[in-house]
Protein backbone atom coordinates (compact mmCIF):
# COMPACT_ATOMS: atom_id res chain seq x y z
CA ALA A 1 -93.01 104.59 130.40
CA LEU A 2 -89.55 106.00 130.15
CA GLY A 3 -90.02 107.77 126.69
CA ALA A 4 -86.92 107.55 124.28
CA GLY A 5 -84.25 107.52 126.94
CA VAL A 6 -84.55 103.62 127.52
CA ARG A 7 -84.92 101.08 124.25
CA ALA A 8 -87.23 98.11 124.50
CA ALA A 9 -85.47 95.01 125.73
CA GLN A 10 -85.50 93.49 122.31
CA ASP A 11 -83.29 95.76 121.03
CA LEU A 12 -80.81 95.92 123.75
CA PRO A 13 -77.46 93.87 122.92
CA ASP A 14 -76.43 90.61 124.98
CA GLN A 15 -75.65 91.47 128.68
CA SER A 16 -72.97 88.90 129.39
CA ASP A 17 -70.06 91.11 128.38
CA LEU A 18 -71.27 94.18 130.02
CA SER A 19 -69.39 95.56 133.34
CA GLN A 20 -71.12 95.86 136.43
CA GLU A 21 -71.34 99.81 135.50
CA GLN A 22 -72.86 98.87 131.98
CA GLN A 23 -75.81 96.71 133.64
CA ILE A 24 -77.70 99.63 134.70
CA VAL A 25 -79.55 102.01 132.68
CA GLN A 26 -80.58 105.68 133.43
CA ALA A 27 -82.98 107.84 132.14
CA ASP A 28 -84.44 111.45 132.73
CA VAL A 29 -88.32 111.58 133.89
CA THR A 30 -91.15 113.68 134.36
CA THR A 31 -94.20 112.44 135.82
CA PRO A 32 -97.59 113.55 135.21
CA SER A 33 -97.41 116.47 137.76
CA GLY A 34 -94.41 117.95 135.97
CA SER A 35 -91.70 117.20 138.66
CA THR A 36 -88.77 116.04 137.11
CA GLY A 37 -86.41 113.24 138.13
CA VAL A 38 -84.24 110.20 137.60
CA MET A 39 -85.16 106.66 137.09
CA ILE A 40 -82.43 103.64 136.95
CA LEU A 41 -83.15 100.28 136.39
CA PRO A 42 -81.43 96.71 135.94
CA TYR A 43 -80.49 96.47 132.22
CA GLY A 44 -82.90 94.31 130.30
CA GLY A 45 -86.46 93.22 129.89
CA GLY A 46 -88.98 92.14 132.00
CA LYS A 47 -90.59 93.51 135.55
CA HIS A 48 -88.57 94.46 138.44
CA PRO A 49 -89.32 95.60 142.07
CA ALA A 50 -89.22 99.05 142.54
CA ILE A 51 -87.83 101.97 145.29
CA LEU A 52 -88.96 105.20 145.06
CA HIS A 53 -86.45 107.27 146.93
CA LEU A 54 -87.41 110.49 148.74
CA HIS A 55 -83.91 112.79 149.54
CA GLY A 56 -83.75 115.16 152.04
CA SER A 57 -84.47 118.78 152.45
CA GLY A 58 -81.73 120.62 150.66
CA GLU A 59 -80.72 118.05 148.91
CA SER A 60 -81.35 117.12 144.92
CA VAL A 61 -81.93 113.93 142.93
CA ALA A 62 -78.73 114.41 141.70
CA LYS A 63 -77.18 113.67 145.56
CA SER A 64 -79.09 110.53 145.12
CA LEU A 65 -77.63 109.10 141.90
CA VAL A 66 -75.13 107.00 143.81
CA LEU A 67 -78.21 105.28 145.91
CA LEU A 68 -80.56 104.93 143.26
CA ARG A 69 -77.34 103.12 140.99
CA LEU A 70 -76.91 100.80 144.25
CA PHE A 71 -80.72 99.82 144.17
CA ALA A 72 -80.53 99.13 140.49
CA ARG A 73 -77.32 96.88 140.67
CA ASN A 74 -79.51 94.73 143.09
CA GLY A 75 -82.43 94.29 141.01
CA TYR A 76 -84.67 97.34 141.52
CA VAL A 77 -86.07 100.14 139.41
CA ALA A 78 -85.13 103.26 141.52
CA MET A 79 -86.49 106.56 141.13
CA ASP A 80 -86.06 109.96 142.76
CA VAL A 81 -87.62 113.41 141.57
CA GLU A 82 -87.36 117.13 142.84
CA TYR A 83 -89.62 118.52 145.17
CA PRO A 84 -92.33 120.90 144.31
CA ALA A 85 -91.42 124.51 144.75
CA SER A 86 -94.08 125.60 146.96
CA GLY A 87 -96.96 124.22 149.03
CA GLY A 88 -95.57 122.35 151.76
CA ALA A 89 -96.08 119.15 153.00
CA ALA A 90 -99.46 118.65 151.16
CA ALA A 91 -97.67 119.57 148.03
CA ASP A 92 -95.13 116.98 148.92
CA ASP A 93 -97.39 114.38 149.73
CA ALA A 94 -99.32 114.79 146.65
CA ASP A 95 -96.39 114.82 144.25
CA VAL A 96 -95.12 111.56 145.84
CA ILE A 97 -98.32 109.79 145.34
CA THR A 98 -98.11 110.81 141.52
CA SER A 99 -94.78 109.60 141.32
CA ILE A 100 -95.68 106.37 143.07
CA LYS A 101 -98.63 105.72 140.41
CA PHE A 102 -96.07 106.64 137.61
CA LEU A 103 -93.97 104.08 138.82
CA LYS A 104 -96.29 101.24 139.15
CA ALA A 105 -97.52 102.32 135.74
CA SER A 106 -93.99 101.60 134.07
CA ARG A 107 -93.58 98.73 131.95
CA TYR A 108 -90.38 97.92 133.79
CA VAL A 109 -91.74 97.92 137.36
CA GLU A 110 -93.92 95.08 138.85
CA PRO A 111 -96.44 97.29 140.86
CA ARG A 112 -97.75 94.99 143.49
CA LEU A 113 -93.96 95.68 145.07
CA VAL A 114 -92.98 99.12 144.94
CA GLY A 115 -91.42 100.58 148.28
CA LEU A 116 -90.60 103.84 149.54
CA ASN A 117 -87.43 105.13 151.13
CA GLY A 118 -86.79 108.51 152.75
CA PHE A 119 -84.50 110.38 154.46
CA SER A 120 -85.42 113.26 157.00
CA ARG A 121 -87.96 115.53 154.74
CA GLY A 122 -88.23 112.57 152.51
CA ALA A 123 -88.58 110.00 155.26
CA ARG A 124 -91.56 111.88 156.76
CA ALA A 125 -93.26 112.08 153.40
CA ALA A 126 -92.88 108.37 152.85
CA LEU A 127 -94.65 107.54 156.28
CA ARG A 128 -97.63 110.16 155.81
CA VAL A 129 -98.08 108.66 151.93
CA ALA A 130 -97.93 105.12 153.08
CA LEU A 131 -101.08 105.92 155.70
CA THR A 132 -103.17 106.17 152.55
CA GLU A 133 -101.30 104.38 149.66
CA ASP A 134 -100.70 100.58 148.84
CA VAL A 135 -96.44 100.26 149.04
CA ARG A 136 -94.70 96.87 149.82
CA ALA A 137 -92.23 98.45 152.44
CA VAL A 138 -91.25 101.67 153.62
CA SER A 139 -87.74 102.82 155.05
CA ALA A 140 -87.85 105.99 157.17
CA ILE A 141 -84.10 107.46 158.19
CA ALA A 142 -84.59 110.23 160.52
CA ALA A 143 -88.03 110.67 160.15
CA ARG A 144 -90.25 113.23 162.11
CA THR A 145 -92.97 111.57 163.45
CA THR A 146 -94.84 114.01 166.19
CA GLY A 147 -94.57 117.40 164.58
CA GLY A 148 -96.75 119.32 162.39
CA ASP A 149 -100.53 119.91 162.47
CA PRO A 150 -102.34 117.26 163.86
CA PRO A 151 -103.08 114.21 163.29
CA THR A 152 -99.63 113.45 163.36
CA ILE A 153 -97.65 110.08 161.97
CA LEU A 154 -97.81 108.59 165.46
CA ASP A 155 -101.53 109.25 165.87
CA LEU A 156 -102.37 107.45 162.84
CA ALA A 157 -100.12 104.59 163.53
CA ASP A 158 -102.95 102.16 163.43
CA ARG A 159 -103.17 102.77 159.86
CA PHE A 160 -99.98 101.05 158.62
CA ARG A 161 -100.48 98.05 156.81
CA MET A 162 -96.68 97.25 155.99
CA PRO A 163 -93.36 96.74 157.32
CA ILE A 164 -91.64 99.69 158.52
CA LEU A 165 -87.94 100.03 158.79
CA LEU A 166 -86.83 103.07 160.95
CA GLN A 167 -83.28 104.31 161.25
CA HIS A 168 -82.13 107.09 163.35
CA GLY A 169 -78.93 108.29 165.17
CA THR A 170 -79.21 108.71 168.94
CA GLU A 171 -77.61 112.40 168.64
CA ASP A 172 -79.69 113.93 165.74
CA PRO A 173 -79.94 117.26 166.59
CA THR A 174 -82.29 118.17 163.76
CA VAL A 175 -84.77 115.48 163.85
CA PRO A 176 -85.35 113.93 167.72
CA TYR A 177 -84.22 110.37 168.10
CA GLN A 178 -87.20 109.71 170.46
CA ASP A 179 -89.60 110.47 167.25
CA SER A 180 -88.47 107.00 166.11
CA VAL A 181 -88.25 105.39 169.33
CA LEU A 182 -92.06 106.40 170.12
CA LEU A 183 -93.25 105.24 166.42
CA GLU A 184 -91.57 101.65 166.84
CA GLN A 185 -93.00 101.70 170.35
CA LYS A 186 -96.30 102.50 169.05
CA LEU A 187 -96.27 100.17 166.08
CA LYS A 188 -95.46 97.56 168.53
CA SER A 189 -98.14 97.91 170.83
CA LEU A 190 -100.30 97.80 167.72
CA LYS A 191 -98.73 94.65 166.79
CA LYS A 192 -97.49 95.99 163.57
CA ARG A 193 -94.23 95.02 161.98
CA VAL A 194 -91.68 97.69 162.74
CA GLN A 195 -87.68 97.43 163.25
CA LEU A 196 -85.72 100.41 164.51
CA VAL A 197 -82.19 100.40 163.78
CA SER A 198 -80.20 102.84 166.20
CA TYR A 199 -76.71 104.39 165.19
CA LYS A 200 -75.28 105.28 168.86
CA GLY A 201 -73.49 108.76 168.68
CA ALA A 202 -74.70 109.23 165.25
CA ASP A 203 -75.98 112.73 164.17
CA HIS A 204 -78.34 113.78 161.57
CA ASN A 205 -75.99 113.49 158.42
CA GLY A 206 -73.27 111.44 160.01
CA LEU A 207 -75.00 108.16 159.59
CA PRO A 208 -72.80 105.04 158.91
CA TRP A 209 -74.58 105.23 155.19
CA ASP A 210 -72.94 101.52 154.26
CA ARG A 211 -74.94 100.12 157.18
CA VAL A 212 -77.94 102.35 156.65
CA TYR A 213 -77.79 100.90 152.88
CA GLU A 214 -77.65 97.51 153.70
CA GLN A 215 -80.76 97.76 156.13
CA ILE A 216 -82.44 99.01 153.31
CA GLY A 217 -81.60 96.41 150.64
CA ARG A 218 -82.78 93.71 153.56
CA ALA A 219 -86.06 95.70 154.16
CA HIS A 220 -87.32 95.69 150.53
CA VAL A 221 -86.47 92.02 149.57
C-alpha cells in the first residue's frame, strides 16, 4: 500500500489528456523494516509487473529517479529504497527481501511478476537474494560474483531458477569483468537461462546507459 501518496484509481481523472510526465505517479514509501524510498507507477488502476531497483554503493534513491520513471512509463511499478545504515551484506539482503514482500503486497502489483535490477552493490544483492526468493527475472549490472565469504554467488549458481541478465564493462577497475564472464559460463554449463552483454572499453560508471536500460527492459518483459 502507498498510503496517502496515491489516490484510489476511481478517484483519478481521465488519462486521455495527460502528458507523458503526468501519466506516472510518484510516492514516498516506508517498508516494514523502516527503510525509506520511492515508488513510481503507471497512472490508473489495475495491477502491473514490478521492478525493485537496487542502486550502487555511494548512490541514493534520489539518483535512481530517472530510471524509476523510465520503468513506470513502460508499464512497471518501480521502487528503490535506501540501504540499512549498518550490517553489511546480510543486512542488505534482509532489507531487499522485505522490499520484495512489500512490493508483492501492493494493490498495484501483480505479485507473480516482480523482478530485480541492480548496479554494483545492488547487483550483487539482487543475485544473492534471487538464490532464495521467487522473482520473475534478475538484471545485474557490474556484479561481483566471486568475492566475499564462501559460498559465493558463483558457488551457488545452480540455485537460480529465473532468467539472468548480466551487463558489464570490459575495463571495469572496480568490479572485475571476469566475474560476470565466470557466472555466465557457470550458468550456461548448468543449462540455466543467462545472457551477458559486454561493453568493450567501458569502465564501472562509464557504461552506455541508454543501451543498458534498453537491455533491462527486454529482460523484464
